[in-house]
N, C-alpha and C. Protein backbone atom coordinates (compact mmCIF):
# COMPACT_ATOMS: atom_id res chain seq x y z
N MET A 1 0.85 -1.18 0.00
CA MET A 1 0.00 0.00 0.00
C MET A 1 0.88 1.23 0.00
N LYS A 2 0.63 2.12 -0.93
CA LYS A 2 1.41 3.33 -1.05
C LYS A 2 0.62 4.49 -0.45
N ILE A 3 1.31 5.26 0.42
CA ILE A 3 0.66 6.40 1.06
C ILE A 3 1.12 7.66 0.37
N SER A 4 0.17 8.48 -0.01
CA SER A 4 0.50 9.69 -0.75
C SER A 4 0.95 10.80 0.19
N GLY A 5 1.70 11.71 -0.36
CA GLY A 5 2.17 12.87 0.41
C GLY A 5 1.01 13.72 0.88
N LYS A 6 -0.07 13.82 0.09
CA LYS A 6 -1.24 14.61 0.47
C LYS A 6 -1.89 14.03 1.72
N PHE A 7 -1.96 12.68 1.75
CA PHE A 7 -2.57 12.02 2.91
C PHE A 7 -1.76 12.32 4.18
N ILE A 8 -0.45 12.23 4.09
CA ILE A 8 0.42 12.50 5.23
C ILE A 8 0.24 13.95 5.70
N LEU A 9 0.19 14.88 4.77
CA LEU A 9 0.01 16.29 5.13
C LEU A 9 -1.35 16.51 5.79
N LYS A 10 -2.38 15.81 5.28
CA LYS A 10 -3.72 15.95 5.86
C LYS A 10 -3.74 15.43 7.29
N VAL A 11 -3.13 14.26 7.53
CA VAL A 11 -3.08 13.67 8.87
C VAL A 11 -2.28 14.59 9.80
N ALA A 12 -1.15 15.08 9.32
CA ALA A 12 -0.31 15.97 10.14
C ALA A 12 -1.07 17.25 10.48
N GLY A 13 -1.80 17.78 9.54
CA GLY A 13 -2.59 18.99 9.79
C GLY A 13 -3.68 18.74 10.81
N THR A 14 -4.34 17.59 10.70
CA THR A 14 -5.41 17.24 11.65
C THR A 14 -4.83 17.07 13.05
N LEU A 15 -3.69 16.39 13.17
CA LEU A 15 -3.05 16.21 14.48
C LEU A 15 -2.62 17.55 15.08
N THR A 16 -2.16 18.44 14.25
CA THR A 16 -1.77 19.77 14.73
C THR A 16 -2.98 20.52 15.28
N VAL A 17 -4.08 20.47 14.57
CA VAL A 17 -5.31 21.13 15.04
C VAL A 17 -5.77 20.51 16.36
N ILE A 18 -5.77 19.19 16.46
CA ILE A 18 -6.17 18.51 17.70
C ILE A 18 -5.26 18.94 18.84
N SER A 19 -3.96 18.98 18.60
CA SER A 19 -3.00 19.38 19.63
C SER A 19 -3.25 20.81 20.09
N LEU A 20 -3.54 21.70 19.17
CA LEU A 20 -3.81 23.09 19.53
C LEU A 20 -5.08 23.22 20.36
N VAL A 21 -6.11 22.46 19.98
CA VAL A 21 -7.38 22.49 20.73
C VAL A 21 -7.16 21.96 22.15
N VAL A 22 -6.45 20.84 22.28
CA VAL A 22 -6.17 20.27 23.60
C VAL A 22 -5.35 21.24 24.44
N ALA A 23 -4.34 21.87 23.85
CA ALA A 23 -3.52 22.84 24.59
C ALA A 23 -4.37 24.01 25.06
N ALA A 24 -5.26 24.49 24.21
CA ALA A 24 -6.14 25.60 24.59
C ALA A 24 -7.05 25.21 25.73
N LEU A 25 -7.61 24.00 25.67
CA LEU A 25 -8.49 23.52 26.74
C LEU A 25 -7.73 23.36 28.06
N LEU A 26 -6.51 22.84 28.00
CA LEU A 26 -5.71 22.71 29.21
C LEU A 26 -5.38 24.08 29.80
N GLY A 27 -5.08 25.02 28.95
CA GLY A 27 -4.83 26.39 29.41
C GLY A 27 -6.05 27.00 30.09
N LEU A 28 -7.21 26.75 29.52
CA LEU A 28 -8.46 27.26 30.09
C LEU A 28 -8.71 26.64 31.47
N VAL A 29 -8.54 25.33 31.56
CA VAL A 29 -8.74 24.64 32.84
C VAL A 29 -7.76 25.18 33.88
N ASP A 30 -6.50 25.38 33.48
CA ASP A 30 -5.50 25.92 34.40
C ASP A 30 -5.90 27.30 34.89
N ASN A 31 -6.39 28.14 34.01
CA ASN A 31 -6.81 29.49 34.40
C ASN A 31 -7.98 29.46 35.38
N VAL A 32 -8.90 28.53 35.17
CA VAL A 32 -10.08 28.42 36.03
C VAL A 32 -9.68 27.91 37.42
N THR A 33 -8.78 26.92 37.47
CA THR A 33 -8.42 26.31 38.75
C THR A 33 -7.31 27.05 39.49
N ALA A 34 -6.49 27.82 38.81
CA ALA A 34 -5.35 28.50 39.45
C ALA A 34 -5.81 29.42 40.58
N ASP A 35 -6.87 30.18 40.36
CA ASP A 35 -7.36 31.08 41.40
C ASP A 35 -7.89 30.31 42.60
N LYS A 36 -8.59 29.21 42.34
CA LYS A 36 -9.12 28.40 43.44
C LYS A 36 -7.99 27.77 44.24
N ILE A 37 -6.98 27.27 43.56
CA ILE A 37 -5.83 26.66 44.24
C ILE A 37 -5.10 27.72 45.06
N ALA A 38 -4.91 28.91 44.50
CA ALA A 38 -4.24 30.00 45.22
C ALA A 38 -5.04 30.39 46.47
N ALA A 39 -6.35 30.42 46.37
CA ALA A 39 -7.20 30.77 47.52
C ALA A 39 -7.10 29.70 48.61
N ILE A 40 -7.08 28.44 48.21
CA ILE A 40 -6.94 27.35 49.19
C ILE A 40 -5.58 27.42 49.86
N ASP A 41 -4.52 27.65 49.08
CA ASP A 41 -3.17 27.78 49.65
C ASP A 41 -3.09 28.95 50.63
N ALA A 42 -3.70 30.07 50.27
CA ALA A 42 -3.69 31.25 51.15
C ALA A 42 -4.42 30.96 52.45
N GLU A 43 -5.54 30.26 52.39
CA GLU A 43 -6.29 29.93 53.60
C GLU A 43 -5.51 28.95 54.47
N ASN A 44 -4.88 27.94 53.85
CA ASN A 44 -4.07 26.99 54.61
C ASN A 44 -2.88 27.68 55.27
N THR A 45 -2.29 28.63 54.58
CA THR A 45 -1.17 29.39 55.15
C THR A 45 -1.65 30.21 56.34
N ARG A 46 -2.81 30.86 56.21
CA ARG A 46 -3.35 31.67 57.31
C ARG A 46 -3.63 30.81 58.53
N ILE A 47 -4.19 29.62 58.32
CA ILE A 47 -4.48 28.70 59.42
C ILE A 47 -3.18 28.28 60.11
N ALA A 48 -2.17 27.94 59.31
CA ALA A 48 -0.88 27.52 59.87
C ALA A 48 -0.22 28.66 60.64
N MET A 49 -0.33 29.89 60.14
CA MET A 49 0.25 31.04 60.84
C MET A 49 -0.47 31.27 62.16
N SER A 50 -1.78 31.17 62.15
CA SER A 50 -2.56 31.37 63.38
C SER A 50 -2.20 30.35 64.45
N ALA A 51 -1.82 29.15 64.02
CA ALA A 51 -1.48 28.08 64.96
C ALA A 51 -0.18 28.34 65.71
N VAL A 52 0.68 29.22 65.17
CA VAL A 52 1.99 29.44 65.80
C VAL A 52 2.15 30.84 66.37
N ALA A 53 1.09 31.63 66.33
CA ALA A 53 1.15 33.02 66.79
C ALA A 53 0.29 33.21 68.04
N PRO A 54 0.59 34.23 68.82
CA PRO A 54 -0.27 34.53 69.97
C PRO A 54 -1.71 34.79 69.51
N GLU A 55 -2.65 34.45 70.35
CA GLU A 55 -4.07 34.62 70.03
C GLU A 55 -4.35 36.08 69.67
N GLY A 56 -5.13 36.29 68.64
CA GLY A 56 -5.50 37.63 68.20
C GLY A 56 -4.48 38.28 67.28
N SER A 57 -3.44 37.56 66.90
CA SER A 57 -2.43 38.12 66.01
C SER A 57 -2.98 38.28 64.60
N GLU A 58 -2.42 39.24 63.91
CA GLU A 58 -2.74 39.46 62.50
C GLU A 58 -1.44 39.45 61.72
N PHE A 59 -1.56 39.20 60.41
CA PHE A 59 -0.38 39.02 59.59
C PHE A 59 -0.42 39.94 58.38
N GLY A 60 0.73 40.52 58.07
CA GLY A 60 0.84 41.36 56.89
C GLY A 60 1.12 40.53 55.65
N ASP A 61 1.31 41.23 54.56
CA ASP A 61 1.62 40.57 53.30
C ASP A 61 3.00 39.93 53.36
N LYS A 62 3.18 38.91 52.54
CA LYS A 62 4.45 38.21 52.46
C LYS A 62 5.56 39.21 52.13
N LEU A 63 6.66 39.12 52.86
CA LEU A 63 7.80 40.01 52.66
C LEU A 63 8.80 39.39 51.69
N ASP A 64 9.57 40.25 51.04
CA ASP A 64 10.63 39.77 50.16
C ASP A 64 11.75 39.17 51.02
N ILE A 65 12.33 38.11 50.52
CA ILE A 65 13.43 37.44 51.22
C ILE A 65 14.74 37.89 50.61
N THR A 66 15.64 38.40 51.46
CA THR A 66 16.94 38.87 50.99
C THR A 66 17.97 37.75 51.06
N ASP A 67 19.11 37.99 50.42
CA ASP A 67 20.21 37.02 50.48
C ASP A 67 20.70 36.84 51.91
N ASP A 68 20.72 37.92 52.69
CA ASP A 68 21.17 37.83 54.08
C ASP A 68 20.23 36.93 54.90
N MET A 69 18.92 37.05 54.66
CA MET A 69 17.96 36.20 55.37
C MET A 69 18.17 34.74 54.98
N THR A 70 18.35 34.50 53.70
CA THR A 70 18.59 33.14 53.22
C THR A 70 19.83 32.56 53.86
N ALA A 71 20.90 33.37 53.93
CA ALA A 71 22.16 32.91 54.53
C ALA A 71 22.00 32.65 56.02
N ALA A 72 21.24 33.49 56.71
CA ALA A 72 21.03 33.30 58.16
C ALA A 72 20.33 31.97 58.43
N ALA A 73 19.29 31.68 57.66
CA ALA A 73 18.57 30.41 57.83
C ALA A 73 19.47 29.23 57.48
N ALA A 74 20.22 29.36 56.39
CA ALA A 74 21.10 28.27 55.96
C ALA A 74 22.20 28.00 56.98
N SER A 75 22.64 29.03 57.69
CA SER A 75 23.70 28.84 58.69
C SER A 75 23.26 27.90 59.81
N GLN A 76 21.94 27.72 59.95
CA GLN A 76 21.41 26.83 60.98
C GLN A 76 20.81 25.55 60.38
N GLY A 77 21.01 25.36 59.08
CA GLY A 77 20.55 24.13 58.45
C GLY A 77 19.14 24.19 57.88
N GLY A 78 18.55 25.38 57.81
CA GLY A 78 17.19 25.51 57.29
C GLY A 78 17.14 26.36 56.03
N LYS A 79 15.97 26.38 55.42
CA LYS A 79 15.74 27.21 54.23
C LYS A 79 14.51 28.07 54.50
N LEU A 80 14.67 29.38 54.40
CA LEU A 80 13.56 30.31 54.56
C LEU A 80 12.75 30.32 53.27
N VAL A 81 11.48 29.93 53.36
CA VAL A 81 10.62 29.82 52.19
C VAL A 81 9.70 31.03 52.07
N GLU A 82 9.09 31.45 53.19
CA GLU A 82 8.19 32.61 53.22
C GLU A 82 8.36 33.32 54.55
N LEU A 83 8.06 34.63 54.54
CA LEU A 83 8.21 35.47 55.73
C LEU A 83 7.06 36.45 55.78
N TYR A 84 6.39 36.53 56.95
CA TYR A 84 5.25 37.42 57.14
C TYR A 84 5.44 38.22 58.43
N PRO A 85 5.14 39.52 58.42
CA PRO A 85 5.16 40.27 59.67
C PRO A 85 3.93 39.93 60.51
N MET A 86 4.11 39.98 61.82
CA MET A 86 3.02 39.64 62.73
C MET A 86 2.77 40.83 63.65
N THR A 87 1.49 41.15 63.88
CA THR A 87 1.12 42.16 64.85
C THR A 87 0.17 41.53 65.86
N THR A 88 0.26 41.99 67.10
CA THR A 88 -0.65 41.53 68.15
C THR A 88 -1.17 42.76 68.86
N GLY A 89 -2.48 42.90 68.90
CA GLY A 89 -3.07 44.09 69.51
C GLY A 89 -2.68 45.36 68.79
N GLY A 90 -2.42 45.26 67.49
CA GLY A 90 -2.05 46.42 66.68
C GLY A 90 -0.58 46.78 66.72
N ALA A 91 0.21 46.12 67.58
CA ALA A 91 1.64 46.44 67.68
C ALA A 91 2.47 45.37 66.97
N ASP A 92 3.57 45.80 66.35
CA ASP A 92 4.47 44.84 65.72
C ASP A 92 4.90 43.81 66.75
N ASN A 93 4.84 42.54 66.37
CA ASN A 93 5.18 41.49 67.34
C ASN A 93 5.93 40.35 66.69
N GLY A 94 6.89 40.66 65.83
CA GLY A 94 7.73 39.63 65.25
C GLY A 94 7.28 39.15 63.90
N TYR A 95 7.55 37.86 63.64
CA TYR A 95 7.35 37.30 62.32
C TYR A 95 6.85 35.87 62.40
N VAL A 96 6.21 35.45 61.33
CA VAL A 96 5.91 34.05 61.12
C VAL A 96 6.62 33.66 59.83
N MET A 97 7.34 32.53 59.91
CA MET A 97 8.15 32.09 58.78
C MET A 97 7.80 30.68 58.36
N LYS A 98 7.81 30.45 57.07
CA LYS A 98 7.73 29.08 56.56
C LYS A 98 9.17 28.66 56.33
N ILE A 99 9.57 27.59 57.00
CA ILE A 99 10.95 27.10 56.97
C ILE A 99 10.94 25.65 56.50
N SER A 100 11.94 25.28 55.73
CA SER A 100 12.12 23.89 55.31
C SER A 100 13.44 23.40 55.88
N ALA A 101 13.43 22.18 56.43
CA ALA A 101 14.65 21.57 56.96
C ALA A 101 14.60 20.07 56.68
N SER A 102 15.75 19.43 56.70
CA SER A 102 15.83 18.00 56.40
C SER A 102 15.37 17.15 57.56
N GLY A 103 14.47 16.22 57.26
CA GLY A 103 14.04 15.23 58.24
C GLY A 103 14.66 13.90 57.90
N SER A 104 14.06 12.81 58.36
CA SER A 104 14.63 11.49 58.11
C SER A 104 14.30 10.98 56.71
N GLN A 105 13.20 11.43 56.12
CA GLN A 105 12.77 10.91 54.83
C GLN A 105 12.64 11.99 53.76
N GLY A 106 13.11 13.19 54.03
CA GLY A 106 12.97 14.31 53.10
C GLY A 106 12.79 15.59 53.87
N SER A 107 12.24 16.58 53.23
CA SER A 107 12.08 17.89 53.86
C SER A 107 10.86 17.93 54.78
N ILE A 108 11.03 18.63 55.90
CA ILE A 108 9.92 18.96 56.78
C ILE A 108 9.69 20.46 56.58
N VAL A 109 8.49 20.83 56.16
CA VAL A 109 8.14 22.24 55.98
C VAL A 109 7.27 22.64 57.16
N MET A 110 7.67 23.71 57.83
CA MET A 110 6.99 24.12 59.05
C MET A 110 6.78 25.62 59.09
N MET A 111 5.78 26.04 59.84
CA MET A 111 5.59 27.45 60.17
C MET A 111 6.17 27.65 61.56
N VAL A 112 6.95 28.72 61.72
CA VAL A 112 7.54 29.03 63.02
C VAL A 112 7.22 30.48 63.33
N GLY A 113 6.63 30.71 64.48
CA GLY A 113 6.38 32.07 64.95
C GLY A 113 7.50 32.50 65.88
N VAL A 114 7.99 33.73 65.68
CA VAL A 114 9.01 34.30 66.56
C VAL A 114 8.55 35.70 66.92
N ASP A 115 8.41 35.98 68.23
CA ASP A 115 7.87 37.27 68.65
C ASP A 115 8.94 38.37 68.68
N ALA A 116 8.53 39.55 69.07
CA ALA A 116 9.42 40.72 69.07
C ALA A 116 10.59 40.55 70.04
N ASP A 117 10.44 39.67 71.03
CA ASP A 117 11.53 39.38 71.97
C ASP A 117 12.46 38.29 71.45
N LYS A 118 12.26 37.87 70.21
CA LYS A 118 13.05 36.82 69.55
C LYS A 118 12.87 35.47 70.21
N ALA A 119 11.65 35.21 70.71
CA ALA A 119 11.31 33.92 71.31
C ALA A 119 10.30 33.20 70.43
N ILE A 120 10.45 31.90 70.33
CA ILE A 120 9.53 31.10 69.51
C ILE A 120 8.15 31.08 70.17
N THR A 121 7.14 31.40 69.37
CA THR A 121 5.75 31.38 69.87
C THR A 121 5.03 30.10 69.50
N GLY A 122 5.58 29.35 68.56
CA GLY A 122 4.97 28.08 68.18
C GLY A 122 5.56 27.54 66.90
N ILE A 123 5.38 26.23 66.70
CA ILE A 123 5.81 25.54 65.48
C ILE A 123 4.68 24.64 65.03
N SER A 124 4.37 24.68 63.75
CA SER A 124 3.34 23.83 63.17
C SER A 124 3.87 23.26 61.86
N VAL A 125 3.80 21.95 61.68
CA VAL A 125 4.29 21.31 60.46
C VAL A 125 3.24 21.43 59.37
N VAL A 126 3.68 21.93 58.21
CA VAL A 126 2.80 22.11 57.05
C VAL A 126 2.82 20.89 56.15
N SER A 127 4.00 20.34 55.90
CA SER A 127 4.12 19.14 55.08
C SER A 127 5.39 18.38 55.45
N HIS A 128 5.38 17.08 55.19
CA HIS A 128 6.53 16.24 55.53
C HIS A 128 6.39 14.90 54.82
N SER A 129 7.45 14.11 54.90
CA SER A 129 7.40 12.74 54.39
C SER A 129 8.06 11.80 55.41
N GLU A 130 7.87 12.11 56.68
CA GLU A 130 8.47 11.32 57.75
C GLU A 130 7.81 9.94 57.86
N THR A 131 8.54 9.00 58.43
CA THR A 131 8.08 7.63 58.56
C THR A 131 6.85 7.53 59.46
N SER A 132 5.83 6.86 58.97
CA SER A 132 4.60 6.68 59.72
C SER A 132 4.88 5.92 61.01
N GLY A 133 4.33 6.44 62.12
CA GLY A 133 4.47 5.78 63.40
C GLY A 133 5.75 6.09 64.14
N ILE A 134 6.70 6.74 63.45
CA ILE A 134 7.96 7.12 64.10
C ILE A 134 8.12 8.63 63.97
N GLY A 135 8.56 9.07 62.78
CA GLY A 135 8.73 10.51 62.55
C GLY A 135 7.42 11.27 62.64
N THR A 136 6.32 10.59 62.33
CA THR A 136 5.03 11.28 62.41
C THR A 136 4.66 11.63 63.85
N LYS A 137 5.28 10.96 64.81
CA LYS A 137 5.06 11.34 66.21
C LYS A 137 5.59 12.75 66.47
N VAL A 138 6.70 13.08 65.82
CA VAL A 138 7.30 14.40 65.99
C VAL A 138 6.43 15.46 65.31
N VAL A 139 6.14 15.27 64.05
CA VAL A 139 5.38 16.29 63.31
C VAL A 139 3.95 16.39 63.81
N GLY A 140 3.46 15.33 64.47
CA GLY A 140 2.13 15.35 65.05
C GLY A 140 2.10 15.88 66.48
N ASN A 141 3.26 16.34 66.97
CA ASN A 141 3.38 16.97 68.29
C ASN A 141 3.02 16.03 69.43
N GLU A 142 3.43 14.76 69.27
CA GLU A 142 3.20 13.80 70.35
C GLU A 142 4.26 13.98 71.44
N PRO A 143 4.01 13.48 72.63
CA PRO A 143 4.95 13.68 73.74
C PRO A 143 6.33 13.05 73.51
N ASN A 144 7.36 13.77 73.97
CA ASN A 144 8.71 13.24 73.92
C ASN A 144 8.95 12.38 75.16
N ALA A 145 10.20 11.99 75.40
CA ALA A 145 10.53 11.11 76.53
C ALA A 145 10.18 11.73 77.88
N ALA A 146 10.11 13.06 77.94
CA ALA A 146 9.77 13.75 79.20
C ALA A 146 8.26 13.96 79.33
N GLY A 147 7.50 13.51 78.32
CA GLY A 147 6.04 13.65 78.38
C GLY A 147 5.52 14.98 77.87
N VAL A 148 6.40 15.80 77.28
CA VAL A 148 6.02 17.12 76.75
C VAL A 148 5.81 16.99 75.24
N PRO A 149 4.71 17.54 74.70
CA PRO A 149 4.56 17.51 73.25
C PRO A 149 5.81 18.11 72.58
N VAL A 150 6.37 17.37 71.65
CA VAL A 150 7.70 17.70 71.11
C VAL A 150 7.78 19.09 70.49
N LEU A 151 6.76 19.53 69.78
CA LEU A 151 6.80 20.86 69.17
C LEU A 151 6.59 21.95 70.22
N ASP A 152 5.78 21.66 71.22
CA ASP A 152 5.50 22.65 72.26
C ASP A 152 6.72 23.00 73.10
N GLN A 153 7.70 22.09 73.19
CA GLN A 153 8.88 22.36 74.01
C GLN A 153 9.72 23.52 73.48
N PHE A 154 9.49 23.93 72.22
CA PHE A 154 10.24 25.03 71.64
C PHE A 154 9.69 26.40 72.04
N GLN A 155 8.44 26.44 72.49
CA GLN A 155 7.81 27.72 72.83
C GLN A 155 8.58 28.45 73.91
N GLY A 156 8.87 29.72 73.64
CA GLY A 156 9.57 30.57 74.60
C GLY A 156 11.08 30.50 74.49
N LEU A 157 11.62 29.59 73.67
CA LEU A 157 13.06 29.47 73.56
C LEU A 157 13.63 30.55 72.63
N THR A 158 14.85 30.96 72.92
CA THR A 158 15.53 32.01 72.16
C THR A 158 16.95 31.57 71.84
N GLY A 159 17.61 32.34 70.97
CA GLY A 159 19.03 32.13 70.68
C GLY A 159 19.30 31.16 69.56
N ALA A 160 19.47 31.69 68.36
CA ALA A 160 19.79 30.85 67.20
C ALA A 160 21.05 30.04 67.48
N GLY A 161 20.97 28.76 67.23
CA GLY A 161 22.10 27.88 67.44
C GLY A 161 22.17 27.31 68.85
N SER A 162 21.37 27.86 69.76
CA SER A 162 21.42 27.39 71.16
C SER A 162 20.51 26.19 71.41
N LEU A 163 19.63 25.89 70.46
CA LEU A 163 18.72 24.76 70.64
C LEU A 163 19.43 23.50 70.13
N VAL A 164 19.63 22.54 71.02
CA VAL A 164 20.40 21.34 70.69
C VAL A 164 19.66 20.11 71.19
N VAL A 165 19.37 19.20 70.25
CA VAL A 165 18.72 17.93 70.62
C VAL A 165 19.68 17.14 71.51
N GLY A 166 19.17 16.70 72.64
CA GLY A 166 19.98 15.96 73.59
C GLY A 166 20.52 16.84 74.70
N LYS A 167 20.42 18.15 74.50
CA LYS A 167 20.88 19.10 75.52
C LYS A 167 19.66 19.80 76.13
N ASN A 168 19.08 20.72 75.37
CA ASN A 168 17.88 21.43 75.87
C ASN A 168 16.63 21.10 75.07
N ILE A 169 16.75 20.23 74.09
CA ILE A 169 15.61 19.73 73.30
C ILE A 169 15.58 18.21 73.44
N ILE A 170 14.43 17.70 73.84
CA ILE A 170 14.29 16.26 74.06
C ILE A 170 13.59 15.63 72.85
N ALA A 171 14.25 14.63 72.27
CA ALA A 171 13.72 13.96 71.08
C ALA A 171 12.61 12.99 71.46
N VAL A 172 11.79 12.67 70.47
CA VAL A 172 10.84 11.58 70.61
C VAL A 172 11.64 10.29 70.43
N SER A 173 11.45 9.33 71.31
CA SER A 173 12.19 8.07 71.26
C SER A 173 12.04 7.41 69.89
N GLY A 174 13.16 7.10 69.26
CA GLY A 174 13.16 6.46 67.95
C GLY A 174 13.01 7.42 66.78
N ALA A 175 12.83 8.71 67.08
CA ALA A 175 12.64 9.70 66.01
C ALA A 175 13.57 10.89 66.20
N THR A 176 14.82 10.59 66.52
CA THR A 176 15.80 11.65 66.77
C THR A 176 16.04 12.49 65.52
N VAL A 177 16.14 11.85 64.36
CA VAL A 177 16.42 12.60 63.12
C VAL A 177 15.27 13.56 62.81
N SER A 178 14.05 13.11 62.99
CA SER A 178 12.90 13.99 62.74
C SER A 178 12.90 15.15 63.73
N THR A 179 13.22 14.88 64.99
CA THR A 179 13.30 15.94 66.00
C THR A 179 14.39 16.93 65.62
N LYS A 180 15.53 16.42 65.13
CA LYS A 180 16.62 17.31 64.71
C LYS A 180 16.20 18.17 63.53
N GLY A 181 15.35 17.65 62.65
CA GLY A 181 14.85 18.46 61.54
C GLY A 181 14.03 19.64 62.03
N ILE A 182 13.15 19.40 62.99
CA ILE A 182 12.37 20.49 63.58
C ILE A 182 13.31 21.47 64.28
N ASN A 183 14.30 20.93 64.98
CA ASN A 183 15.26 21.76 65.70
C ASN A 183 16.02 22.69 64.74
N MET A 184 16.43 22.16 63.58
CA MET A 184 17.11 22.99 62.59
C MET A 184 16.20 24.12 62.11
N GLY A 185 14.93 23.78 61.87
CA GLY A 185 13.97 24.80 61.44
C GLY A 185 13.79 25.88 62.49
N ALA A 186 13.73 25.49 63.77
CA ALA A 186 13.58 26.45 64.86
C ALA A 186 14.79 27.37 64.94
N ASN A 187 15.98 26.79 64.89
CA ASN A 187 17.20 27.60 64.92
C ASN A 187 17.30 28.53 63.72
N ALA A 188 16.87 28.04 62.55
CA ALA A 188 16.89 28.87 61.33
C ALA A 188 15.96 30.07 61.48
N ALA A 189 14.77 29.85 62.01
CA ALA A 189 13.81 30.94 62.21
C ALA A 189 14.36 31.96 63.19
N LEU A 190 14.99 31.49 64.26
CA LEU A 190 15.58 32.40 65.24
C LEU A 190 16.70 33.22 64.61
N ALA A 191 17.50 32.60 63.76
CA ALA A 191 18.59 33.31 63.08
C ALA A 191 18.06 34.43 62.20
N VAL A 192 16.99 34.15 61.47
CA VAL A 192 16.37 35.18 60.62
C VAL A 192 15.81 36.31 61.47
N ALA A 193 15.10 35.96 62.55
CA ALA A 193 14.51 36.97 63.43
C ALA A 193 15.59 37.86 64.05
N GLU A 194 16.71 37.26 64.44
CA GLU A 194 17.80 38.05 65.01
C GLU A 194 18.39 39.00 63.97
N LEU A 195 18.49 38.55 62.74
CA LEU A 195 19.00 39.41 61.67
C LEU A 195 18.08 40.59 61.44
N LEU A 196 16.77 40.35 61.52
CA LEU A 196 15.80 41.40 61.25
C LEU A 196 15.74 42.42 62.38
N GLY A 197 16.27 42.07 63.54
CA GLY A 197 16.32 43.02 64.66
C GLY A 197 15.07 43.15 65.45
């Protein structure tokens, strides 16, 4: 069977038209869903910020991250992802930061609140890939060996680099690496807050 050049051109033209139509439809779907996804992300971020801030706190727009801020977080083993100013009772009261740090199975992304006195007001895990039943005890804020919820033990602590697992931070039994990941994120947030003054 011999296929003519006209037939090949016709098939190629038809496939091109189909591809263009599919691309246009995908673009339309993306435009329709992008706003909804952005709204859901914004609401989830607001909820996570509220969980780590003093009651009644409000948050400003996301701030630009400078190279110095990035370096400060990295010096403690974390990555500054987002930064928001925090006010309480109308007065400036520190920052809420989204920080990423290495856990046992990948990155742990957390929100960390740091008040105007450079003290941690709370930590809430946004996403992780920690081992179920072990690392998830840490990110789920279950009690450590002393019976204190592992994330809650960071509240009120100050001094970037001064938080050390096994010294003043107690790990969850069997989940030391996951606890160290949270610890790195806490130290990173404190380093950024100290830089900001």
